[in-house]
């Protein structure tokens, strides 16, 4: 019995190394390098030799997907923070990064964030942002997704966890609006609809989400599951994290 159990566990772990298809993209295994920000770009958001070397070294790991972390979608203020910029002015930089990852057989993905509000108090962002600006944020994500696809990335990741902009507009603690964005799921749905329209069918969209936000009054696991069921038709994969 112990021998059979061990064999079954080996079979399960072996599945990690089997190919998998997301949308129209065939990935060589089921291992993903998760997004993180090394803060190695230039101050304006351009690629540096250090950032390129850091990322391509991850691609040498053998992972099926390598995801570049914390990339700014703000089309009006692309620079700052030493993070990459997903704007048309940086198309060649993005192309260099995508090709650098793909050179080692990995699929190139990139995490998109609206960096202007990453460290802003959520009650201010949700309560004081006009409907027009909310719509602008959504269009910034869509345009950034279009830029990344044009640059040669195989897929994108929308950062909807860790208290970032999508999560702010989903949290019951902060939603107190009288426009359509006061409907709890509305922002996430409209964002993903716009992104899907920008990249077209078959292009994989991953959505990063916090399973639960842990703090009192914040999103619970049960609420996240309900939200995931609403957005699942717009995405190809959930990237599940925890906390803020």
C-alpha atoms as a PDB file:
ATOM      1  CA  UNK A   1       0.000   0.000   0.000  1.00  0.00           C
ATOM      2  CA  UNK A   2       2.822   2.377   0.834  1.00  0.00           C
ATOM      3  CA  UNK A   3       4.515   1.596  -2.474  1.00  0.00           C
ATOM      4  CA  UNK A   4       1.316   2.216  -4.458  1.00  0.00           C
ATOM      5  CA  UNK A   5       0.755   5.486  -2.603  1.00  0.00           C
ATOM      6  CA  UNK A   6       4.255   6.633  -3.416  1.00  0.00           C
ATOM      7  CA  UNK A   7       3.745   5.801  -7.095  1.00  0.00           C
ATOM      8  CA  UNK A   8       0.546   7.835  -7.208  1.00  0.00           C
ATOM      9  CA  UNK A   9       2.300  10.807  -5.661  1.00  0.00           C
ATOM     10  CA  UNK A  10       5.075  10.501  -8.246  1.00  0.00           C
ATOM     11  CA  UNK A  11       2.495  10.462 -11.027  1.00  0.00           C
ATOM     12  CA  UNK A  12       0.877  13.615  -9.639  1.00  0.00           C
ATOM     13  CA  UNK A  13       4.180  15.472  -9.403  1.00  0.00           C
ATOM     14  CA  UNK A  14       5.141  14.313 -12.910  1.00  0.00           C
ATOM     15  CA  UNK A  15       2.041  16.101 -14.245  1.00  0.00           C
ATOM     16  CA  UNK A  16       3.716  19.393 -13.322  1.00  0.00           C
ATOM     17  CA  UNK A  17       6.137  18.787 -16.181  1.00  0.00           C
ATOM     18  CA  UNK A  18       3.451  18.015 -18.758  1.00  0.00           C
ATOM     19  CA  UNK A  19       2.408  20.594 -21.378  1.00  0.00           C
ATOM     20  CA  UNK A  20      -0.748  22.636 -20.879  1.00  0.00           C
ATOM     21  CA  UNK A  21      -2.755  24.891 -23.169  1.00  0.00           C
ATOM     22  CA  UNK A  22      -4.057  28.315 -22.156  1.00  0.00           C
ATOM     23  CA  UNK A  23      -6.185  29.869 -24.882  1.00  0.00           C
ATOM     24  CA  UNK A  24      -4.204  29.452 -28.089  1.00  0.00           C
ATOM     25  CA  UNK A  25      -0.856  29.089 -26.313  1.00  0.00           C
ATOM     26  CA  UNK A  26       0.831  25.746 -25.663  1.00  0.00           C
ATOM     27  CA  UNK A  27       3.087  25.886 -22.579  1.00  0.00           C
ATOM     28  CA  UNK A  28       5.825  23.301 -22.118  1.00  0.00           C
ATOM     29  CA  UNK A  29       5.075  22.620 -18.435  1.00  0.00           C
ATOM     30  CA  UNK A  30       2.928  23.859 -15.546  1.00  0.00           C
ATOM     31  CA  UNK A  31       5.561  25.866 -13.712  1.00  0.00           C
ATOM     32  CA  UNK A  32       5.323  29.651 -13.675  1.00  0.00           C
ATOM     33  CA  UNK A  33       7.830  32.184 -12.377  1.00  0.00           C
ATOM     34  CA  UNK A  34       5.518  34.483 -10.443  1.00  0.00           C
ATOM     35  CA  UNK A  35       5.765  38.258 -10.913  1.00  0.00           C
ATOM     36  CA  UNK A  36       8.022  40.270  -8.631  1.00  0.00           C
ATOM     37  CA  UNK A  37       9.539  43.734  -8.941  1.00  0.00           C
ATOM     38  CA  UNK A  38      13.346  43.871  -8.746  1.00  0.00           C
ATOM     39  CA  UNK A  39      13.260  47.670  -9.405  1.00  0.00           C
ATOM     40  CA  UNK A  40      16.114  47.409 -11.872  1.00  0.00           C
ATOM     41  CA  UNK A  41      14.759  49.429 -14.807  1.00  0.00           C
ATOM     42  CA  UNK A  42      15.815  52.976 -15.501  1.00  0.00           C
ATOM     43  CA  UNK A  43      14.017  55.727 -13.591  1.00  0.00           C
ATOM     44  CA  UNK A  44      11.985  56.449 -16.729  1.00  0.00           C
ATOM     45  CA  UNK A  45      10.805  52.848 -17.057  1.00  0.00           C
ATOM     46  CA  UNK A  46      13.217  51.652 -19.742  1.00  0.00           C
ATOM     47  CA  UNK A  47      15.042  48.312 -19.794  1.00  0.00           C
ATOM     48  CA  UNK A  48      18.564  48.237 -18.355  1.00  0.00           C
ATOM     49  CA  UNK A  49      21.213  45.520 -18.799  1.00  0.00           C
ATOM     50  CA  UNK A  50      20.656  44.549 -15.150  1.00  0.00           C
ATOM     51  CA  UNK A  51      16.899  44.141 -15.592  1.00  0.00           C
ATOM     52  CA  UNK A  52      17.377  42.146 -18.792  1.00  0.00           C
ATOM     53  CA  UNK A  53      19.933  39.845 -17.144  1.00  0.00           C
ATOM     54  CA  UNK A  54      17.725  39.331 -14.076  1.00  0.00           C
ATOM     55  CA  UNK A  55      14.718  38.336 -16.190  1.00  0.00           C
ATOM     56  CA  UNK A  56      16.477  36.126 -18.717  1.00  0.00           C
ATOM     57  CA  UNK A  57      18.215  34.305 -15.886  1.00  0.00           C
ATOM     58  CA  UNK A  58      14.747  33.366 -14.589  1.00  0.00           C
ATOM     59  CA  UNK A  59      13.870  32.072 -18.053  1.00  0.00           C
ATOM     60  CA  UNK A  60      16.868  29.703 -17.898  1.00  0.00           C
ATOM     61  CA  UNK A  61      15.191  27.927 -14.947  1.00  0.00           C
ATOM     62  CA  UNK A  62      13.108  25.699 -17.202  1.00  0.00           C
ATOM     63  CA  UNK A  63       9.764  27.194 -16.146  1.00  0.00           C
ATOM     64  CA  UNK A  64       6.983  27.186 -18.723  1.00  0.00           C
ATOM     65  CA  UNK A  65       5.991  30.792 -18.027  1.00  0.00           C
ATOM     66  CA  UNK A  66       8.107  33.703 -16.840  1.00  0.00           C
ATOM     67  CA  UNK A  67       6.115  36.708 -15.673  1.00  0.00           C
ATOM     68  CA  UNK A  68       7.649  40.169 -15.508  1.00  0.00           C
ATOM     69  CA  UNK A  69       6.308  41.892 -12.396  1.00  0.00           C
ATOM     70  CA  UNK A  70       4.722  45.278 -11.623  1.00  0.00           C
ATOM     71  CA  UNK A  71       4.505  46.953 -15.033  1.00  0.00           C
ATOM     72  CA  UNK A  72       2.828  50.348 -15.204  1.00  0.00           C
ATOM     73  CA  UNK A  73      -0.228  50.712 -17.477  1.00  0.00           C
ATOM     74  CA  UNK A  74      -0.616  54.475 -16.997  1.00  0.00           C
ATOM     75  CA  UNK A  75      -0.413  55.869 -20.531  1.00  0.00           C
ATOM     76  CA  UNK A  76      -0.155  59.487 -19.366  1.00  0.00           C
ATOM     77  CA  UNK A  77       2.644  58.978 -16.794  1.00  0.00           C
ATOM     78  CA  UNK A  78       4.755  56.003 -17.892  1.00  0.00           C
ATOM     79  CA  UNK A  79       7.937  56.798 -15.975  1.00  0.00           C
ATOM     80  CA  UNK A  80       8.902  56.579 -12.316  1.00  0.00           C
ATOM     81  CA  UNK A  81       9.495  53.964  -9.674  1.00  0.00           C
ATOM     82  CA  UNK A  82      12.090  51.980 -11.656  1.00  0.00           C
ATOM     83  CA  UNK A  83       9.438  49.648 -13.057  1.00  0.00           C
ATOM     84  CA  UNK A  84       8.749  48.754 -16.680  1.00  0.00           C
ATOM     85  CA  UNK A  85       6.196  50.739 -18.661  1.00  0.00           C
ATOM     86  CA  UNK A  86       3.532  49.118 -20.868  1.00  0.00           C
ATOM     87  CA  UNK A  87       3.145  52.073 -23.233  1.00  0.00           C
ATOM     88  CA  UNK A  88       3.784  52.545 -26.949  1.00  0.00           C
ATOM     89  CA  UNK A  89       6.893  54.608 -26.274  1.00  0.00           C
ATOM     90  CA  UNK A  90       8.530  51.563 -24.701  1.00  0.00           C
ATOM     91  CA  UNK A  91       7.475  49.040 -27.332  1.00  0.00           C
ATOM     92  CA  UNK A  92      11.054  48.121 -28.293  1.00  0.00           C
ATOM     93  CA  UNK A  93      12.014  47.633 -24.624  1.00  0.00           C
ATOM     94  CA  UNK A  94       9.033  45.328 -24.115  1.00  0.00           C
ATOM     95  CA  UNK A  95       9.909  43.417 -27.272  1.00  0.00           C
ATOM     96  CA  UNK A  96      13.476  42.896 -26.028  1.00  0.00           C
ATOM     97  CA  UNK A  97      12.131  41.452 -22.766  1.00  0.00           C
ATOM     98  CA  UNK A  98       9.622  39.149 -24.466  1.00  0.00           C
ATOM     99  CA  UNK A  99      12.236  37.791 -26.859  1.00  0.00           C
ATOM    100  CA  UNK A 100      14.751  37.388 -24.044  1.00  0.00           C
ATOM    101  CA  UNK A 101      12.336  35.133 -22.166  1.00  0.00           C
ATOM    102  CA  UNK A 102      11.231  33.179 -25.234  1.00  0.00           C
ATOM    103  CA  UNK A 103      14.833  32.471 -26.206  1.00  0.00           C
ATOM    104  CA  UNK A 104      14.938  29.849 -23.443  1.00  0.00           C
ATOM    105  CA  UNK A 105      11.683  28.145 -24.367  1.00  0.00           C
ATOM    106  CA  UNK A 106       9.466  29.887 -21.819  1.00  0.00           C
ATOM    107  CA  UNK A 107       6.335  31.840 -22.589  1.00  0.00           C
ATOM    108  CA  UNK A 108       6.602  35.537 -21.811  1.00  0.00           C
ATOM    109  CA  UNK A 109       3.979  37.074 -19.538  1.00  0.00           C
ATOM    110  CA  UNK A 110       3.775  40.466 -17.858  1.00  0.00           C
ATOM    111  CA  UNK A 111       1.938  41.760 -14.797  1.00  0.00           C
ATOM    112  CA  UNK A 112      -0.055  44.957 -15.371  1.00  0.00           C
ATOM    113  CA  UNK A 113      -0.748  47.455 -12.588  1.00  0.00           C
ATOM    114  CA  UNK A 114      -1.979  51.038 -12.301  1.00  0.00           C
ATOM    115  CA  UNK A 115       1.013  52.188 -10.329  1.00  0.00           C
ATOM    116  CA  UNK A 116      -0.255  55.704  -9.537  1.00  0.00           C
ATOM    117  CA  UNK A 117      -2.681  54.291  -6.964  1.00  0.00           C
ATOM    118  CA  UNK A 118      -0.703  51.317  -5.654  1.00  0.00           C
ATOM    119  CA  UNK A 119       0.134  53.036  -2.360  1.00  0.00           C
ATOM    120  CA  UNK A 120      -2.849  55.382  -2.143  1.00  0.00           C
ATOM    121  CA  UNK A 121      -5.455  54.943   0.634  1.00  0.00           C
ATOM    122  CA  UNK A 122      -8.229  52.749  -0.842  1.00  0.00           C
ATOM    123  CA  UNK A 123     -11.047  54.827   0.657  1.00  0.00           C
ATOM    124  CA  UNK A 124      -9.743  57.899  -1.193  1.00  0.00           C
ATOM    125  CA  UNK A 125      -9.227  56.100  -4.490  1.00  0.00           C
ATOM    126  CA  UNK A 126     -12.647  54.478  -4.475  1.00  0.00           C
ATOM    127  CA  UNK A 127     -14.522  57.384  -2.912  1.00  0.00           C
ATOM    128  CA  UNK A 128     -12.952  60.325  -4.733  1.00  0.00           C
ATOM    129  CA  UNK A 129     -12.201  58.980  -8.221  1.00  0.00           C
ATOM    130  CA  UNK A 130     -14.709  60.296 -10.765  1.00  0.00           C
ATOM    131  CA  UNK A 131     -16.621  57.999 -13.099  1.00  0.00           C
ATOM    132  CA  UNK A 132     -14.656  59.468 -15.999  1.00  0.00           C
ATOM    133  CA  UNK A 133     -11.341  58.682 -14.334  1.00  0.00           C
ATOM    134  CA  UNK A 134     -12.465  55.146 -13.515  1.00  0.00           C
ATOM    135  CA  UNK A 135     -13.262  54.658 -17.192  1.00  0.00           C
ATOM    136  CA  UNK A 136      -9.835  56.073 -18.033  1.00  0.00           C
ATOM    137  CA  UNK A 137      -8.137  53.570 -15.705  1.00  0.00           C
ATOM    138  CA  UNK A 138      -9.938  50.729 -17.470  1.00  0.00           C
ATOM    139  CA  UNK A 139      -8.873  52.017 -20.882  1.00  0.00           C
ATOM    140  CA  UNK A 140      -5.286  52.318 -19.652  1.00  0.00           C
ATOM    141  CA  UNK A 141      -5.304  48.606 -18.792  1.00  0.00           C
ATOM    142  CA  UNK A 142      -6.802  47.734 -22.179  1.00  0.00           C
ATOM    143  CA  UNK A 143      -4.276  49.828 -24.087  1.00  0.00           C
ATOM    144  CA  UNK A 144      -1.383  48.386 -22.085  1.00  0.00           C
ATOM    145  CA  UNK A 145      -2.593  44.876 -22.887  1.00  0.00           C
ATOM    146  CA  UNK A 146      -2.682  45.794 -26.580  1.00  0.00           C
ATOM    147  CA  UNK A 147       0.856  47.181 -26.349  1.00  0.00           C
ATOM    148  CA  UNK A 148       2.164  44.012 -24.683  1.00  0.00           C
ATOM    149  CA  UNK A 149       0.572  41.734 -27.248  1.00  0.00           C
ATOM    150  CA  UNK A 150       2.042  43.847 -30.046  1.00  0.00           C
ATOM    151  CA  UNK A 151       5.446  43.670 -28.343  1.00  0.00           C
ATOM    152  CA  UNK A 152       5.372  39.885 -28.596  1.00  0.00           C
ATOM    153  CA  UNK A 153       4.245  38.748 -25.152  1.00  0.00           C
ATOM    154  CA  UNK A 154       2.430  35.414 -25.111  1.00  0.00           C
ATOM    155  CA  UNK A 155       0.017  36.344 -22.324  1.00  0.00           C
ATOM    156  CA  UNK A 156      -0.694  38.997 -19.683  1.00  0.00           C
ATOM    157  CA  UNK A 157      -1.503  39.046 -15.990  1.00  0.00           C
ATOM    158  CA  UNK A 158      -3.888  41.608 -14.474  1.00  0.00           C
ATOM    159  CA  UNK A 159      -2.916  42.325 -10.862  1.00  0.00           C
ATOM    160  CA  UNK A 160      -6.273  42.208  -9.104  1.00  0.00           C
ATOM    161  CA  UNK A 161      -4.926  41.224  -5.674  1.00  0.00           C
ATOM    162  CA  UNK A 162      -2.972  42.697  -2.776  1.00  0.00           C
ATOM    163  CA  UNK A 163      -5.226  45.742  -2.423  1.00  0.00           C
ATOM    164  CA  UNK A 164      -4.411  47.173  -5.867  1.00  0.00           C
ATOM    165  CA  UNK A 165      -6.896  49.166  -7.941  1.00  0.00           C
ATOM    166  CA  UNK A 166      -9.137  46.269  -9.070  1.00  0.00           C
ATOM    167  CA  UNK A 167      -9.266  44.917  -5.514  1.00  0.00           C
ATOM    168  CA  UNK A 168     -10.079  48.362  -4.103  1.00  0.00           C
ATOM    169  CA  UNK A 169     -13.199  48.578  -6.266  1.00  0.00           C
ATOM    170  CA  UNK A 170     -14.199  45.058  -5.277  1.00  0.00           C
ATOM    171  CA  UNK A 171     -13.788  45.419  -1.507  1.00  0.00           C
ATOM    172  CA  UNK A 172     -17.087  45.797   0.354  1.00  0.00           C
ATOM    173  CA  UNK A 173     -15.256  47.933   2.909  1.00  0.00           C
ATOM    174  CA  UNK A 174     -14.660  50.747   0.430  1.00  0.00           C
ATOM    175  CA  UNK A 175     -17.434  50.563  -2.164  1.00  0.00           C
ATOM    176  CA  UNK A 176     -19.682  53.523  -1.424  1.00  0.00           C
ATOM    177  CA  UNK A 177     -20.541  55.112  -4.750  1.00  0.00           C
ATOM    178  CA  UNK A 178     -23.750  56.103  -6.466  1.00  0.00           C
ATOM    179  CA  UNK A 179     -22.570  55.479 -10.044  1.00  0.00           C
ATOM    180  CA  UNK A 180     -22.351  52.084 -11.718  1.00  0.00           C
ATOM    181  CA  UNK A 181     -18.905  51.509 -10.154  1.00  0.00           C
ATOM    182  CA  UNK A 182     -20.680  51.257  -6.810  1.00  0.00           C
ATOM    183  CA  UNK A 183     -21.859  47.814  -7.925  1.00  0.00           C
ATOM    184  CA  UNK A 184     -19.266  45.547  -6.414  1.00  0.00           C
ATOM    185  CA  UNK A 185     -18.284  43.420  -9.425  1.00  0.00           C
ATOM    186  CA  UNK A 186     -18.736  46.148 -12.041  1.00  0.00           C
ATOM    187  CA  UNK A 187     -15.186  47.495 -12.182  1.00  0.00           C
ATOM    188  CA  UNK A 188     -13.600  44.057 -12.566  1.00  0.00           C
ATOM    189  CA  UNK A 189     -16.071  42.997 -15.238  1.00  0.00           C
ATOM    190  CA  UNK A 190     -15.660  46.173 -17.291  1.00  0.00           C
ATOM    191  CA  UNK A 191     -11.871  46.021 -16.967  1.00  0.00           C
ATOM    192  CA  UNK A 192     -11.698  42.422 -18.161  1.00  0.00           C
ATOM    193  CA  UNK A 193     -14.194  43.052 -20.965  1.00  0.00           C
ATOM    194  CA  UNK A 194     -12.037  45.948 -22.213  1.00  0.00           C
ATOM    195  CA  UNK A 195      -8.832  43.925 -21.957  1.00  0.00           C
ATOM    196  CA  UNK A 196     -10.349  40.954 -23.760  1.00  0.00           C
ATOM    197  CA  UNK A 197     -11.546  43.208 -26.556  1.00  0.00           C
ATOM    198  CA  UNK A 198      -8.038  44.694 -26.825  1.00  0.00           C
ATOM    199  CA  UNK A 199      -6.184  41.371 -27.110  1.00  0.00           C
ATOM    200  CA  UNK A 200      -8.857  39.328 -28.877  1.00  0.00           C
ATOM    201  CA  UNK A 201      -9.953  35.713 -28.369  1.00  0.00           C
ATOM    202  CA  UNK A 202      -7.395  33.027 -27.638  1.00  0.00           C
ATOM    203  CA  UNK A 203      -4.821  35.345 -26.058  1.00  0.00           C
ATOM    204  CA  UNK A 204      -4.364  34.121 -22.453  1.00  0.00           C
ATOM    205  CA  UNK A 205      -5.369  36.437 -19.620  1.00  0.00           C
ATOM    206  CA  UNK A 206      -4.284  35.562 -16.098  1.00  0.00           C
ATOM    207  CA  UNK A 207      -5.906  37.338 -13.140  1.00  0.00           C
ATOM    208  CA  UNK A 208      -4.089  37.668  -9.836  1.00  0.00           C
ATOM    209  CA  UNK A 209      -6.387  37.654  -6.828  1.00  0.00           C
ATOM    210  CA  UNK A 210      -6.129  37.541  -3.053  1.00  0.00           C
ATOM    211  CA  UNK A 211      -8.060  34.519  -1.816  1.00  0.00           C
ATOM    212  CA  UNK A 212      -8.724  36.458   1.377  1.00  0.00           C
ATOM    213  CA  UNK A 213      -7.453  39.781   2.645  1.00  0.00           C
ATOM    214  CA  UNK A 214      -7.203  38.573   6.272  1.00  0.00           C
ATOM    215  CA  UNK A 215      -7.878  41.903   8.014  1.00  0.00           C
ATOM    216  CA  UNK A 216     -11.255  42.495   9.756  1.00  0.00           C
ATOM    217  CA  UNK A 217     -13.985  43.701   7.401  1.00  0.00           C
ATOM    218  CA  UNK A 218     -11.996  42.789   4.286  1.00  0.00           C
ATOM    219  CA  UNK A 219     -12.725  40.247   1.565  1.00  0.00           C
ATOM    220  CA  UNK A 220     -13.193  36.642   2.665  1.00  0.00           C
ATOM    221  CA  UNK A 221     -12.469  33.374   0.860  1.00  0.00           C
ATOM    222  CA  UNK A 222     -16.177  32.764   0.233  1.00  0.00           C
ATOM    223  CA  UNK A 223     -16.584  36.201  -1.354  1.00  0.00           C
ATOM    224  CA  UNK A 224     -13.533  35.661  -3.546  1.00  0.00           C
ATOM    225  CA  UNK A 225     -14.918  32.353  -4.803  1.00  0.00           C
ATOM    226  CA  UNK A 226     -18.175  34.103  -5.711  1.00  0.00           C
ATOM    227  CA  UNK A 227     -16.247  36.824  -7.562  1.00  0.00           C
ATOM    228  CA  UNK A 228     -14.118  34.239  -9.381  1.00  0.00           C
ATOM    229  CA  UNK A 229     -17.265  32.569 -10.704  1.00  0.00           C
ATOM    230  CA  UNK A 230     -18.412  35.911 -12.131  1.00  0.00           C
ATOM    231  CA  UNK A 231     -15.151  36.734 -13.945  1.00  0.00           C
ATOM    232  CA  UNK A 232     -14.131  33.232 -15.032  1.00  0.00           C
ATOM    233  CA  UNK A 233     -15.554  33.629 -18.552  1.00  0.00           C
ATOM    234  CA  UNK A 234     -13.197  36.549 -19.211  1.00  0.00           C
ATOM    235  CA  UNK A 235      -9.952  34.889 -18.101  1.00  0.00           C
ATOM    236  CA  UNK A 236      -7.891  31.763 -18.698  1.00  0.00           C
ATOM    237  CA  UNK A 237      -6.213  31.336 -15.329  1.00  0.00           C
ATOM    238  CA  UNK A 238      -6.471  32.553 -11.734  1.00  0.00           C
ATOM    239  CA  UNK A 239      -3.281  33.384  -9.879  1.00  0.00           C
ATOM    240  CA  UNK A 240      -4.224  32.935  -6.230  1.00  0.00           C
ATOM    241  CA  UNK A 241      -2.365  34.782  -3.502  1.00  0.00           C
ATOM    242  CA  UNK A 242      -3.337  35.904   0.030  1.00  0.00           C
ATOM    243  CA  UNK A 243      -3.393  39.117   2.005  1.00  0.00           C
ATOM    244  CA  UNK A 244      -2.692  42.715   1.098  1.00  0.00           C
END
